[in-house]
PDB file of N, CA and C in Angstrom:
ATOM      1  N   MET A   1       0.723  -1.186   0.065  1.00  0.00           N
ATOM      2  CA  MET A   1      -0.034   0.068  -0.037  1.00  0.00           C
ATOM      3  C   MET A   1       0.852   1.297  -0.088  1.00  0.00           C
ATOM      4  N   VAL A   2       0.069   2.424  -0.353  1.00  0.00           N
ATOM      5  CA  VAL A   2       1.006   3.569  -0.399  1.00  0.00           C
ATOM      6  C   VAL A   2       0.303   4.638   0.653  1.00  0.00           C
ATOM      7  N   ARG A   3       1.087   5.560   1.134  1.00  0.00           N
ATOM      8  CA  ARG A   3       0.674   6.497   1.853  1.00  0.00           C
ATOM      9  C   ARG A   3      -0.060   7.656   1.234  1.00  0.00           C
ATOM     10  N   LEU A   4      -1.036   8.209   1.705  1.00  0.00           N
ATOM     11  CA  LEU A   4      -1.876   9.302   1.176  1.00  0.00           C
ATOM     12  C   LEU A   4      -2.069  10.349   2.412  1.00  0.00           C
ATOM     13  N   LEU A   5      -1.600  11.488   2.329  1.00  0.00           N
ATOM     14  CA  LEU A   5      -1.728  12.625   3.405  1.00  0.00           C
ATOM     15  C   LEU A   5      -2.830  13.559   2.922  1.00  0.00           C
ATOM     16  N   ILE A   6      -3.867  13.654   3.859  1.00  0.00           N
ATOM     17  CA  ILE A   6      -4.991  14.660   3.386  1.00  0.00           C
ATOM     18  C   ILE A   6      -5.306  15.647   4.659  1.00  0.00           C
ATOM     19  N   GLN A   7      -6.011  16.600   4.345  1.00  0.00           N
ATOM     20  CA  GLN A   7      -6.270  17.550   5.316  1.00  0.00           C
ATOM     21  C   GLN A   7      -7.953  17.511   5.304  1.00  0.00           C
ATOM     22  N   VAL A   8      -8.408  17.674   6.480  1.00  0.00           N
ATOM     23  CA  VAL A   8      -9.763  17.568   6.681  1.00  0.00           C
ATOM     24  C   VAL A   8     -10.045  18.536   7.795  1.00  0.00           C
ATOM     25  N   PRO A   9     -11.215  19.294   7.684  1.00  0.00           N
ATOM     26  CA  PRO A   9     -11.578  20.400   8.574  1.00  0.00           C
ATOM     27  C   PRO A   9     -11.846  19.632  10.005  1.00  0.00           C
ATOM     28  N   GLU A  10     -11.692  20.504  10.930  1.00  0.00           N
ATOM     29  CA  GLU A  10     -11.887  19.854  12.487  1.00  0.00           C
ATOM     30  C   GLU A  10     -13.287  19.294  12.724  1.00  0.00           C
ATOM     31  N   PRO A  11     -14.333  19.687  12.104  1.00  0.00           N
ATOM     32  CA  PRO A  11     -15.633  19.008  12.577  1.00  0.00           C
ATOM     33  C   PRO A  11     -15.578  17.514  11.827  1.00  0.00           C
ATOM     34  N   ILE A  12     -15.029  17.297  10.686  1.00  0.00           N
ATOM     35  CA  ILE A  12     -14.893  15.885   9.994  1.00  0.00           C
ATOM     36  C   ILE A  12     -13.728  15.095  10.874  1.00  0.00           C
ATOM     37  N   LYS A  13     -12.794  15.779  11.508  1.00  0.00           N
ATOM     38  CA  LYS A  13     -11.787  15.110  12.200  1.00  0.00           C
ATOM     39  C   LYS A  13     -12.374  14.492  13.619  1.00  0.00           C
ATOM     40  N   ALA A  14     -13.340  15.350  14.028  1.00  0.00           N
ATOM     41  CA  ALA A  14     -14.102  14.995  15.397  1.00  0.00           C
ATOM     42  C   ALA A  14     -14.968  13.988  14.973  1.00  0.00           C
ATOM     43  N   GLN A  15     -15.491  13.771  13.899  1.00  0.00           N
ATOM     44  CA  GLN A  15     -16.383  12.657  13.470  1.00  0.00           C
ATOM     45  C   GLN A  15     -15.559  11.493  13.389  1.00  0.00           C
ATOM     46  N   LEU A  16     -14.320  11.606  12.782  1.00  0.00           N
ATOM     47  CA  LEU A  16     -13.384  10.372  12.638  1.00  0.00           C
ATOM     48  C   LEU A  16     -13.028   9.859  13.850  1.00  0.00           C
ATOM     49  N   ASP A  17     -12.734  10.760  14.945  1.00  0.00           N
ATOM     50  CA  ASP A  17     -12.182  10.365  16.179  1.00  0.00           C
ATOM     51  C   ASP A  17     -13.408   9.604  16.927  1.00  0.00           C
ATOM     52  N   THR A  18     -14.782  10.001  16.630  1.00  0.00           N
ATOM     53  CA  THR A  18     -15.870   9.336  17.269  1.00  0.00           C
ATOM     54  C   THR A  18     -15.976   7.881  16.684  1.00  0.00           C
ATOM     55  N   LEU A  19     -15.605   7.658  15.319  1.00  0.00           N
ATOM     56  CA  LEU A  19     -15.612   6.369  14.805  1.00  0.00           C
ATOM     57  C   LEU A  19     -14.570   5.558  15.426  1.00  0.00           C
ATOM     58  N   ARG A  20     -13.414   6.150  15.710  1.00  0.00           N
ATOM     59  CA  ARG A  20     -12.266   5.344  16.170  1.00  0.00           C
ATOM     60  C   ARG A  20     -12.762   4.810  17.728  1.00  0.00           C
ATOM     61  N   GLN A  21     -13.475   5.453  18.444  1.00  0.00           N
ATOM     62  CA  GLN A  21     -14.000   5.026  19.749  1.00  0.00           C
ATOM     63  C   GLN A  21     -14.709   3.873  19.537  1.00  0.00           C
ATOM     64  N   GLY A  22     -15.339   3.726  18.408  1.00  0.00           N
ATOM     65  CA  GLY A  22     -16.312   2.533  18.143  1.00  0.00           C
ATOM     66  C   GLY A  22     -15.460   1.481  17.472  1.00  0.00           C
ATOM     67  N   GLY A  23     -14.076   1.620  17.333  1.00  0.00           N
ATOM     68  CA  GLY A  23     -13.394   0.499  16.693  1.00  0.00           C
ATOM     69  C   GLY A  23     -12.976   0.747  15.229  1.00  0.00           C
ATOM     70  N   THR A  24     -13.443   1.669  14.499  1.00  0.00           N
ATOM     71  CA  THR A  24     -13.130   1.905  13.197  1.00  0.00           C
ATOM     72  C   THR A  24     -12.005   3.009  12.999  1.00  0.00           C
ATOM     73  N   THR A  25     -10.997   2.674  12.311  1.00  0.00           N
ATOM     74  CA  THR A  25      -9.890   3.557  12.144  1.00  0.00           C
ATOM     75  C   THR A  25     -10.209   4.611  10.949  1.00  0.00           C
ATOM     76  N   ALA A  26      -9.496   5.855  11.007  1.00  0.00           N
ATOM     77  CA  ALA A  26      -9.885   6.767   9.910  1.00  0.00           C
ATOM     78  C   ALA A  26      -9.366   6.187   8.623  1.00  0.00           C
ATOM     79  N   SER A  27      -8.313   5.571   8.555  1.00  0.00           N
ATOM     80  CA  SER A  27      -7.800   4.794   7.303  1.00  0.00           C
ATOM     81  C   SER A  27      -8.662   3.812   6.826  1.00  0.00           C
ATOM     82  N   GLY A  28      -9.143   2.978   7.704  1.00  0.00           N
ATOM     83  CA  GLY A  28     -10.107   1.983   7.351  1.00  0.00           C
ATOM     84  C   GLY A  28     -11.422   2.483   6.713  1.00  0.00           C
ATOM     85  N   PHE A  29     -11.954   3.585   7.338  1.00  0.00           N
ATOM     86  CA  PHE A  29     -13.194   4.148   6.956  1.00  0.00           C
ATOM     87  C   PHE A  29     -12.995   4.850   5.526  1.00  0.00           C
ATOM     88  N   ILE A  30     -11.911   5.707   5.405  1.00  0.00           N
ATOM     89  CA  ILE A  30     -11.747   6.215   4.131  1.00  0.00           C
ATOM     90  C   ILE A  30     -11.408   5.326   3.132  1.00  0.00           C
ATOM     91  N   ARG A  31     -10.772   4.208   3.443  1.00  0.00           N
ATOM     92  CA  ARG A  31     -10.405   3.127   2.413  1.00  0.00           C
ATOM     93  C   ARG A  31     -11.695   2.572   1.809  1.00  0.00           C
ATOM     94  N   HIS A  32     -12.634   2.335   2.872  1.00  0.00           N
ATOM     95  CA  HIS A  32     -13.884   1.724   2.486  1.00  0.00           C
ATOM     96  C   HIS A  32     -14.685   2.528   1.637  1.00  0.00           C
ATOM     97  N   LEU A  33     -14.752   3.936   1.910  1.00  0.00           N
ATOM     98  CA  LEU A  33     -15.478   4.885   1.059  1.00  0.00           C
ATOM     99  C   LEU A  33     -14.996   4.970  -0.238  1.00  0.00           C
ATOM    100  N   LEU A  34     -13.451   4.882  -0.395  1.00  0.00           N
ATOM    101  CA  LEU A  34     -12.967   4.898  -1.831  1.00  0.00           C
ATOM    102  C   LEU A  34     -13.208   3.610  -2.462  1.00  0.00           C
ATOM    103  N   GLU A  35     -13.133   2.617  -1.841  1.00  0.00           N
ATOM    104  CA  GLU A  35     -13.360   1.358  -2.523  1.00  0.00           C
ATOM    105  C   GLU A  35     -15.111   1.232  -3.098  1.00  0.00           C
ATOM    106  N   GLU A  36     -15.783   1.664  -2.329  1.00  0.00           N
ATOM    107  CA  GLU A  36     -17.193   1.772  -2.670  1.00  0.00           C
ATOM    108  C   GLU A  36     -17.292   2.798  -3.842  1.00  0.00           C
ATOM    109  N   HIS A  37     -16.846   3.782  -3.785  1.00  0.00           N
ATOM    110  CA  HIS A  37     -16.930   5.022  -4.829  1.00  0.00           C
ATOM    111  C   HIS A  37     -16.473   4.326  -6.105  1.00  0.00           C
ATOM    112  N   PHE A  38     -15.145   3.775  -6.145  1.00  0.00           N
ATOM    113  CA  PHE A  38     -14.679   3.296  -7.366  1.00  0.00           C
ATOM    114  C   PHE A  38     -15.171   2.041  -7.743  1.00  0.00           C
ATOM    115  N   LYS A  39     -15.984   1.360  -6.983  1.00  0.00           N
ATOM    116  CA  LYS A  39     -16.529   0.109  -7.510  1.00  0.00           C
ATOM    117  C   LYS A  39     -17.730   0.480  -8.294  1.00  0.00           C
ATOM    118  N   HIS A  40     -18.477   1.584  -8.047  1.00  0.00           N
ATOM    119  CA  HIS A  40     -19.706   1.964  -8.578  1.00  0.00           C
ATOM    120  C   HIS A  40     -19.458   3.172  -9.855  1.00  0.00           C
ATOM    121  N   ALA A  41     -18.251   3.648  -9.774  1.00  0.00           N
ATOM    122  CA  ALA A  41     -17.954   4.710 -10.540  1.00  0.00           C
ATOM    123  C   ALA A  41     -17.548   4.114 -12.093  1.00  0.00           C
ATOM    124  N   PRO A  42     -18.104   4.851 -13.026  1.00  0.00           N
ATOM    125  CA  PRO A  42     -17.915   4.229 -14.612  1.00  0.00           C
ATOM    126  C   PRO A  42     -16.655   4.543 -14.808  1.00  0.00           C
ATOM    127  N   VAL A  43     -16.144   3.439 -15.665  1.00  0.00           N
ATOM    128  CA  VAL A  43     -14.536   3.420 -15.917  1.00  0.00           C
ATOM    129  C   VAL A  43     -14.438   4.361 -17.380  1.00  0.00           C
ATOM    130  N   THR A  44     -13.675   5.106 -17.198  1.00  0.00           N
ATOM    131  CA  THR A  44     -13.499   5.978 -18.371  1.00  0.00           C
ATOM    132  C   THR A  44     -11.822   6.017 -18.643  1.00  0.00           C
ATOM    133  N   GLY A  45     -11.766   6.416 -20.129  1.00  0.00           N
ATOM    134  CA  GLY A  45     -10.107   6.480 -20.479  1.00  0.00           C
ATOM    135  C   GLY A  45      -9.492   7.522 -19.890  1.00  0.00           C
ATOM    136  N   GLN A  46      -8.129   7.470 -19.848  1.00  0.00           N
ATOM    137  CA  GLN A  46      -7.503   8.711 -19.401  1.00  0.00           C
ATOM    138  C   GLN A  46      -7.307   9.816 -20.556  1.00  0.00           C
ATOM    139  N   LYS A  47      -7.454  10.958 -19.879  1.00  0.00           N
ATOM    140  CA  LYS A  47      -7.184  12.053 -20.808  1.00  0.00           C
ATOM    141  C   LYS A  47      -5.896  12.609 -20.816  1.00  0.00           C
ATOM    142  N   GLY A  48      -5.415  13.222 -21.836  1.00  0.00           N
ATOM    143  CA  GLY A  48      -3.981  13.709 -21.873  1.00  0.00           C
ATOM    144  C   GLY A  48      -3.336  13.238 -23.045  1.00  0.00           C
ATOM    145  N   ARG A  49      -2.002  13.133 -22.828  1.00  0.00           N
ATOM    146  CA  ARG A  49      -1.310  12.505 -23.912  1.00  0.00           C
ATOM    147  C   ARG A  49      -1.805  11.640 -24.599  1.00  0.00           C
TER     148      ARG A  49
END
């Protein structure tokens, strides 16, 4: 895996901290959201060169 550093507003960080108290890590939660998004997103070709 690779690392990805993101910045989030304080209210979102507080919600992520609440999830952590329930046993879900911020990384795990964000990874799940990204996997779900890309599973349902249409596949398009790359633009550019």
